[in-house]
Amino acid sequence: MSTSKSKATEELTQVMEETMNRVEARFQAITEQLGSQIDEMGTRINSLEENVMELTAQASMDDLPISKVTDPLPQ
């Protein structure tokens, strides 16, 4: 009887190891995918910030009276 228990224990251990290996591989794949998506999101946020700054600068120039834009700087 102890031989069959030992064999069952070995089989269960093997099944659990295989399951844990699959879970670990899946977790690693998800971690890499999330990292890639976070990097892409950071790049997109930086681009958005640049666009907002450009639009803000453009709006500031549009708000100035024409004489202010064309007048030479005071000396």
PDB file of N, CA and C in Angstrom:
ATOM      1  N   MET A   1       0.824  -1.196   0.000  1.00  0.00           N
ATOM      2  CA  MET A   1       0.000   0.000   0.000  1.00  0.00           C
ATOM      3  C   MET A   1       0.864   1.255   0.000  1.00  0.00           C
ATOM      4  N   SER A   2       1.988   1.224   0.678  1.00  0.00           N
ATOM      5  CA  SER A   2       2.838   2.401   0.728  1.00  0.00           C
ATOM      6  C   SER A   2       3.446   2.692  -0.640  1.00  0.00           C
ATOM      7  N   THR A   3       3.625   1.660  -1.469  1.00  0.00           N
ATOM      8  CA  THR A   3       4.159   1.861  -2.809  1.00  0.00           C
ATOM      9  C   THR A   3       3.166   2.651  -3.661  1.00  0.00           C
ATOM     10  N   SER A   4       1.894   2.333  -3.561  1.00  0.00           N
ATOM     11  CA  SER A   4       0.878   3.041  -4.343  1.00  0.00           C
ATOM     12  C   SER A   4       0.724   4.478  -3.840  1.00  0.00           C
ATOM     13  N   LYS A   5       0.855   4.688  -2.516  1.00  0.00           N
ATOM     14  CA  LYS A   5       0.803   6.044  -1.974  1.00  0.00           C
ATOM     15  C   LYS A   5       2.005   6.848  -2.457  1.00  0.00           C
ATOM     16  N   SER A   6       3.152   6.202  -2.492  1.00  0.00           N
ATOM     17  CA  SER A   6       4.361   6.864  -2.943  1.00  0.00           C
ATOM     18  C   SER A   6       4.238   7.236  -4.420  1.00  0.00           C
ATOM     19  N   LYS A   7       3.711   6.331  -5.223  1.00  0.00           N
ATOM     20  CA  LYS A   7       3.525   6.607  -6.649  1.00  0.00           C
ATOM     21  C   LYS A   7       2.504   7.718  -6.834  1.00  0.00           C
ATOM     22  N   ALA A   8       1.431   7.700  -6.090  1.00  0.00           N
ATOM     23  CA  ALA A   8       0.405   8.751  -6.184  1.00  0.00           C
ATOM     24  C   ALA A   8       0.995  10.094  -5.774  1.00  0.00           C
ATOM     25  N   THR A   9       1.825  10.087  -4.739  1.00  0.00           N
ATOM     26  CA  THR A   9       2.469  11.318  -4.298  1.00  0.00           C
ATOM     27  C   THR A   9       3.397  11.853  -5.373  1.00  0.00           C
ATOM     28  N   GLU A  10       4.153  10.985  -6.004  1.00  0.00           N
ATOM     29  CA  GLU A  10       5.054  11.397  -7.086  1.00  0.00           C
ATOM     30  C   GLU A  10       4.272  11.983  -8.260  1.00  0.00           C
ATOM     31  N   GLU A  11       3.178  11.328  -8.628  1.00  0.00           N
ATOM     32  CA  GLU A  11       2.352  11.816  -9.732  1.00  0.00           C
ATOM     33  C   GLU A  11       1.744  13.181  -9.404  1.00  0.00           C
ATOM     34  N   LEU A  12       1.250  13.310  -8.192  1.00  0.00           N
ATOM     35  CA  LEU A  12       0.666  14.582  -7.766  1.00  0.00           C
ATOM     36  C   LEU A  12       1.723  15.682  -7.757  1.00  0.00           C
ATOM     37  N   THR A  13       2.905  15.334  -7.276  1.00  0.00           N
ATOM     38  CA  THR A  13       4.002  16.307  -7.257  1.00  0.00           C
ATOM     39  C   THR A  13       4.350  16.730  -8.673  1.00  0.00           C
ATOM     40  N   GLN A  14       4.403  15.797  -9.591  1.00  0.00           N
ATOM     41  CA  GLN A  14       4.728  16.105 -10.984  1.00  0.00           C
ATOM     42  C   GLN A  14       3.648  16.997 -11.599  1.00  0.00           C
ATOM     43  N   VAL A  15       2.394  16.662 -11.362  1.00  0.00           N
ATOM     44  CA  VAL A  15       1.289  17.469 -11.891  1.00  0.00           C
ATOM     45  C   VAL A  15       1.353  18.882 -11.324  1.00  0.00           C
ATOM     46  N   MET A  16       1.627  19.010 -10.047  1.00  0.00           N
ATOM     47  CA  MET A  16       1.704  20.327  -9.418  1.00  0.00           C
ATOM     48  C   MET A  16       2.888  21.131  -9.960  1.00  0.00           C
ATOM     49  N   GLU A  17       4.015  20.481 -10.178  1.00  0.00           N
ATOM     50  CA  GLU A  17       5.181  21.168 -10.736  1.00  0.00           C
ATOM     51  C   GLU A  17       4.887  21.681 -12.149  1.00  0.00           C
ATOM     52  N   GLU A  18       4.245  20.837 -12.954  1.00  0.00           N
ATOM     53  CA  GLU A  18       3.882  21.257 -14.316  1.00  0.00           C
ATOM     54  C   GLU A  18       2.900  22.426 -14.280  1.00  0.00           C
ATOM     55  N   THR A  19       1.942  22.353 -13.394  1.00  0.00           N
ATOM     56  CA  THR A  19       0.966  23.433 -13.259  1.00  0.00           C
ATOM     57  C   THR A  19       1.647  24.715 -12.819  1.00  0.00           C
ATOM     58  N   MET A  20       2.525  24.622 -11.860  1.00  0.00           N
ATOM     59  CA  MET A  20       3.236  25.808 -11.382  1.00  0.00           C
ATOM     60  C   MET A  20       4.123  26.385 -12.477  1.00  0.00           C
ATOM     61  N   ASN A  21       4.757  25.548 -13.275  1.00  0.00           N
ATOM     62  CA  ASN A  21       5.572  26.023 -14.391  1.00  0.00           C
ATOM     63  C   ASN A  21       4.725  26.774 -15.421  1.00  0.00           C
ATOM     64  N   ARG A  22       3.534  26.231 -15.717  1.00  0.00           N
ATOM     65  CA  ARG A  22       2.635  26.913 -16.654  1.00  0.00           C
ATOM     66  C   ARG A  22       2.168  28.250 -16.085  1.00  0.00           C
ATOM     67  N   VAL A  23       1.828  28.269 -14.810  1.00  0.00           N
ATOM     68  CA  VAL A  23       1.390  29.515 -14.168  1.00  0.00           C
ATOM     69  C   VAL A  23       2.525  30.537 -14.175  1.00  0.00           C
ATOM     70  N   GLU A  24       3.728  30.103 -13.861  1.00  0.00           N
ATOM     71  CA  GLU A  24       4.879  31.000 -13.849  1.00  0.00           C
ATOM     72  C   GLU A  24       5.150  31.568 -15.244  1.00  0.00           C
ATOM     73  N   ALA A  25       5.061  30.733 -16.282  1.00  0.00           N
ATOM     74  CA  ALA A  25       5.286  31.189 -17.650  1.00  0.00           C
ATOM     75  C   ALA A  25       4.211  32.198 -18.057  1.00  0.00           C
ATOM     76  N   ARG A  26       2.992  31.928 -17.695  1.00  0.00           N
ATOM     77  CA  ARG A  26       1.884  32.851 -18.018  1.00  0.00           C
ATOM     78  C   ARG A  26       2.070  34.168 -17.268  1.00  0.00           C
ATOM     79  N   PHE A  27       2.442  34.104 -16.023  1.00  0.00           N
ATOM     80  CA  PHE A  27       2.674  35.307 -15.232  1.00  0.00           C
ATOM     81  C   PHE A  27       3.797  36.137 -15.846  1.00  0.00           C
ATOM     82  N   GLN A  28       4.858  35.483 -16.284  1.00  0.00           N
ATOM     83  CA  GLN A  28       5.983  36.184 -16.915  1.00  0.00           C
ATOM     84  C   GLN A  28       5.529  36.872 -18.197  1.00  0.00           C
ATOM     85  N   ALA A  29       4.738  36.188 -19.003  1.00  0.00           N
ATOM     86  CA  ALA A  29       4.242  36.769 -20.254  1.00  0.00           C
ATOM     87  C   ALA A  29       3.371  37.991 -19.977  1.00  0.00           C
ATOM     88  N   ILE A  30       2.511  37.893 -18.985  1.00  0.00           N
ATOM     89  CA  ILE A  30       1.643  39.019 -18.632  1.00  0.00           C
ATOM     90  C   ILE A  30       2.476  40.181 -18.103  1.00  0.00           C
ATOM     91  N   THR A  31       3.479  39.895 -17.298  1.00  0.00           N
ATOM     92  CA  THR A  31       4.355  40.938 -16.759  1.00  0.00           C
ATOM     93  C   THR A  31       5.065  41.679 -17.887  1.00  0.00           C
ATOM     94  N   GLU A  32       5.580  40.952 -18.868  1.00  0.00           N
ATOM     95  CA  GLU A  32       6.260  41.572 -20.003  1.00  0.00           C
ATOM     96  C   GLU A  32       5.284  42.414 -20.822  1.00  0.00           C
ATOM     97  N   GLN A  33       4.077  41.900 -21.015  1.00  0.00           N
ATOM     98  CA  GLN A  33       3.072  42.632 -21.784  1.00  0.00           C
ATOM     99  C   GLN A  33       2.687  43.923 -21.071  1.00  0.00           C
ATOM    100  N   LEU A  34       2.497  43.855 -19.778  1.00  0.00           N
ATOM    101  CA  LEU A  34       2.154  45.059 -19.013  1.00  0.00           C
ATOM    102  C   LEU A  34       3.287  46.075 -19.058  1.00  0.00           C
ATOM    103  N   GLY A  35       4.510  45.613 -18.926  1.00  0.00           N
ATOM    104  CA  GLY A  35       5.658  46.514 -18.997  1.00  0.00           C
ATOM    105  C   GLY A  35       5.710  47.237 -20.328  1.00  0.00           C
ATOM    106  N   SER A  36       5.470  46.508 -21.401  1.00  0.00           N
ATOM    107  CA  SER A  36       5.464  47.096 -22.735  1.00  0.00           C
ATOM    108  C   SER A  36       4.349  48.125 -22.874  1.00  0.00           C
ATOM    109  N   GLN A  37       3.180  47.811 -22.365  1.00  0.00           N
ATOM    110  CA  GLN A  37       2.054  48.732 -22.450  1.00  0.00           C
ATOM    111  C   GLN A  37       2.299  49.980 -21.608  1.00  0.00           C
ATOM    112  N   ILE A  38       2.928  49.836 -20.461  1.00  0.00           N
ATOM    113  CA  ILE A  38       3.240  50.992 -19.613  1.00  0.00           C
ATOM    114  C   ILE A  38       4.250  51.886 -20.308  1.00  0.00           C
ATOM    115  N   ASP A  39       5.253  51.294 -20.941  1.00  0.00           N
ATOM    116  CA  ASP A  39       6.233  52.081 -21.698  1.00  0.00           C
ATOM    117  C   ASP A  39       5.559  52.852 -22.831  1.00  0.00           C
ATOM    118  N   GLU A  40       4.677  52.175 -23.553  1.00  0.00           N
ATOM    119  CA  GLU A  40       3.960  52.834 -24.653  1.00  0.00           C
ATOM    120  C   GLU A  40       3.091  53.972 -24.129  1.00  0.00           C
ATOM    121  N   MET A  41       2.431  53.746 -23.005  1.00  0.00           N
ATOM    122  CA  MET A  41       1.589  54.790 -22.422  1.00  0.00           C
ATOM    123  C   MET A  41       2.441  55.985 -21.998  1.00  0.00           C
ATOM    124  N   GLY A  42       3.604  55.746 -21.447  1.00  0.00           N
ATOM    125  CA  GLY A  42       4.498  56.836 -21.060  1.00  0.00           C
ATOM    126  C   GLY A  42       4.909  57.665 -22.261  1.00  0.00           C
ATOM    127  N   THR A  43       5.218  56.994 -23.360  1.00  0.00           N
ATOM    128  CA  THR A  43       5.587  57.693 -24.593  1.00  0.00           C
ATOM    129  C   THR A  43       4.426  58.543 -25.099  1.00  0.00           C
ATOM    130  N   ARG A  44       3.238  57.989 -25.054  1.00  0.00           N
ATOM    131  CA  ARG A  44       2.062  58.722 -25.523  1.00  0.00           C
ATOM    132  C   ARG A  44       1.753  59.912 -24.621  1.00  0.00           C
ATOM    133  N   ILE A  45       1.956  59.769 -23.319  1.00  0.00           N
ATOM    134  CA  ILE A  45       1.734  60.879 -22.387  1.00  0.00           C
ATOM    135  C   ILE A  45       2.743  61.984 -22.657  1.00  0.00           C
ATOM    136  N   ASN A  46       4.004  61.621 -22.881  1.00  0.00           N
ATOM    137  CA  ASN A  46       5.020  62.632 -23.191  1.00  0.00           C
ATOM    138  C   ASN A  46       4.661  63.390 -24.462  1.00  0.00           C
ATOM    139  N   SER A  47       4.205  62.686 -25.464  1.00  0.00           N
ATOM    140  CA  SER A  47       3.800  63.322 -26.717  1.00  0.00           C
ATOM    141  C   SER A  47       2.612  64.253 -26.480  1.00  0.00           C
ATOM    142  N   LEU A  48       1.677  63.812 -25.694  1.00  0.00           N
ATOM    143  CA  LEU A  48       0.511  64.642 -25.377  1.00  0.00           C
ATOM    144  C   LEU A  48       0.929  65.908 -24.640  1.00  0.00           C
ATOM    145  N   GLU A  49       1.842  65.786 -23.688  1.00  0.00           N
ATOM    146  CA  GLU A  49       2.330  66.954 -22.959  1.00  0.00           C
ATOM    147  C   GLU A  49       2.989  67.951 -23.900  1.00  0.00           C
ATOM    148  N   GLU A  50       3.791  67.448 -24.844  1.00  0.00           N
ATOM    149  CA  GLU A  50       4.443  68.326 -25.817  1.00  0.00           C
ATOM    150  C   GLU A  50       3.402  69.055 -26.667  1.00  0.00           C
ATOM    151  N   ASN A  51       2.384  68.325 -27.115  1.00  0.00           N
ATOM    152  CA  ASN A  51       1.333  68.937 -27.918  1.00  0.00           C
ATOM    153  C   ASN A  51       0.577  70.002 -27.133  1.00  0.00           C
ATOM    154  N   VAL A  52       0.292  69.743 -25.875  1.00  0.00           N
ATOM    155  CA  VAL A  52      -0.408  70.720 -25.038  1.00  0.00           C
ATOM    156  C   VAL A  52       0.448  71.962 -24.865  1.00  0.00           C
ATOM    157  N   MET A  53       1.747  71.796 -24.624  1.00  0.00           N
ATOM    158  CA  MET A  53       2.632  72.953 -24.471  1.00  0.00           C
ATOM    159  C   MET A  53       2.686  73.770 -25.767  1.00  0.00           C
ATOM    160  N   GLU A  54       2.745  73.099 -26.910  1.00  0.00           N
ATOM    161  CA  GLU A  54       2.757  73.807 -28.187  1.00  0.00           C
ATOM    162  C   GLU A  54       1.459  74.567 -28.403  1.00  0.00           C
ATOM    163  N   LEU A  55       0.330  73.928 -28.101  1.00  0.00           N
ATOM    164  CA  LEU A  55      -0.958  74.596 -28.260  1.00  0.00           C
ATOM    165  C   LEU A  55      -1.098  75.770 -27.293  1.00  0.00           C
ATOM    166  N   THR A  56      -0.593  75.613 -26.079  1.00  0.00           N
ATOM    167  CA  THR A  56      -0.642  76.696 -25.097  1.00  0.00           C
ATOM    168  C   THR A  56       0.202  77.870 -25.576  1.00  0.00           C
ATOM    169  N   ALA A  57       1.381  77.588 -26.094  1.00  0.00           N
ATOM    170  CA  ALA A  57       2.247  78.643 -26.612  1.00  0.00           C
ATOM    171  C   ALA A  57       1.583  79.334 -27.797  1.00  0.00           C
ATOM    172  N   GLN A  58       0.973  78.553 -28.667  1.00  0.00           N
ATOM    173  CA  GLN A  58       0.296  79.118 -29.824  1.00  0.00           C
ATOM    174  C   GLN A  58      -0.887  79.975 -29.382  1.00  0.00           C
ATOM    175  N   ALA A  59      -1.647  79.519 -28.409  1.00  0.00           N
ATOM    176  CA  ALA A  59      -2.792  80.281 -27.914  1.00  0.00           C
ATOM    177  C   ALA A  59      -2.320  81.579 -27.265  1.00  0.00           C
ATOM    178  N   SER A  60      -1.202  81.542 -26.570  1.00  0.00           N
ATOM    179  CA  SER A  60      -0.659  82.748 -25.948  1.00  0.00           C
ATOM    180  C   SER A  60      -0.278  83.757 -27.020  1.00  0.00           C
ATOM    181  N   MET A  61       0.303  83.295 -28.096  1.00  0.00           N
ATOM    182  CA  MET A  61       0.674  84.188 -29.197  1.00  0.00           C
ATOM    183  C   MET A  61      -0.572  84.756 -29.859  1.00  0.00           C
ATOM    184  N   ASP A  62      -1.614  83.949 -29.970  1.00  0.00           N
ATOM    185  CA  ASP A  62      -2.858  84.408 -30.588  1.00  0.00           C
ATOM    186  C   ASP A  62      -3.559  85.458 -29.732  1.00  0.00           C
ATOM    187  N   ASP A  63      -3.357  85.416 -28.419  1.00  0.00           N
ATOM    188  CA  ASP A  63      -4.011  86.349 -27.504  1.00  0.00           C
ATOM    189  C   ASP A  63      -3.343  87.723 -27.491  1.00  0.00           C
ATOM    190  N   LEU A  64      -2.090  87.807 -27.934  1.00  0.00           N
ATOM    191  CA  LEU A  64      -1.381  89.086 -27.923  1.00  0.00           C
ATOM    192  C   LEU A  64      -1.927  89.993 -29.016  1.00  0.00           C
ATOM    193  N   PRO A  65      -2.029  91.290 -28.738  1.00  0.00           N
ATOM    194  CA  PRO A  65      -2.424  92.207 -29.799  1.00  0.00           C
ATOM    195  C   PRO A  65      -1.374  92.196 -30.900  1.00  0.00           C
ATOM    196  N   ILE A  66      -1.803  92.450 -32.097  1.00  0.00           N
ATOM    197  CA  ILE A  66      -0.893  92.405 -33.249  1.00  0.00           C
ATOM    198  C   ILE A  66       0.270  93.366 -33.054  1.00  0.00           C
ATOM    199  N   SER A  67       0.020  94.546 -32.500  1.00  0.00           N
ATOM    200  CA  SER A  67       1.103  95.514 -32.316  1.00  0.00           C
ATOM    201  C   SER A  67       2.165  94.958 -31.361  1.00  0.00           C
ATOM    202  N   LYS A  68       1.764  94.176 -30.379  1.00  0.00           N
ATOM    203  CA  LYS A  68       2.734  93.585 -29.432  1.00  0.00           C
ATOM    204  C   LYS A  68       3.612  92.556 -30.139  1.00  0.00           C
ATOM    205  N   VAL A  69       3.015  91.839 -31.080  1.00  0.00           N
ATOM    206  CA  VAL A  69       3.762  90.796 -31.763  1.00  0.00           C
ATOM    207  C   VAL A  69       4.751  91.424 -32.744  1.00  0.00           C
ATOM    208  N   THR A  70       4.357  92.494 -33.415  1.00  0.00           N
ATOM    209  CA  THR A  70       5.200  93.083 -34.455  1.00  0.00           C
ATOM    210  C   THR A  70       6.118  94.170 -33.946  1.00  0.00           C
ATOM    211  N   ASP A  71       5.843  94.784 -32.768  1.00  0.00           N
ATOM    212  CA  ASP A  71       6.688  95.829 -32.222  1.00  0.00           C
ATOM    213  C   ASP A  71       8.043  95.261 -31.840  1.00  0.00           C
ATOM    214  N   PRO A  72       9.106  96.016 -32.101  1.00  0.00           N
ATOM    215  CA  PRO A  72      10.419  95.542 -31.657  1.00  0.00           C
ATOM    216  C   PRO A  72      10.484  95.531 -30.136  1.00  0.00           C
ATOM    217  N   LEU A  73      11.373  94.765 -29.626  1.00  0.00           N
ATOM    218  CA  LEU A  73      11.559  94.696 -28.164  1.00  0.00           C
ATOM    219  C   LEU A  73      12.098  96.025 -27.650  1.00  0.00           C
ATOM    220  N   PRO A  74      11.625  96.460 -26.462  1.00  0.00           N
ATOM    221  CA  PRO A  74      12.154  97.701 -25.882  1.00  0.00           C
ATOM    222  C   PRO A  74      13.634  97.542 -25.544  1.00  0.00           C
ATOM    223  N   GLN A  75      14.366  98.642 -25.654  1.00  0.00           N
ATOM    224  CA  GLN A  75      15.784  98.578 -25.391  1.00  0.00           C
ATOM    225  C   GLN A  75      16.141  99.252 -24.113  1.00  0.00           C
TER     226      GLN A  75
END
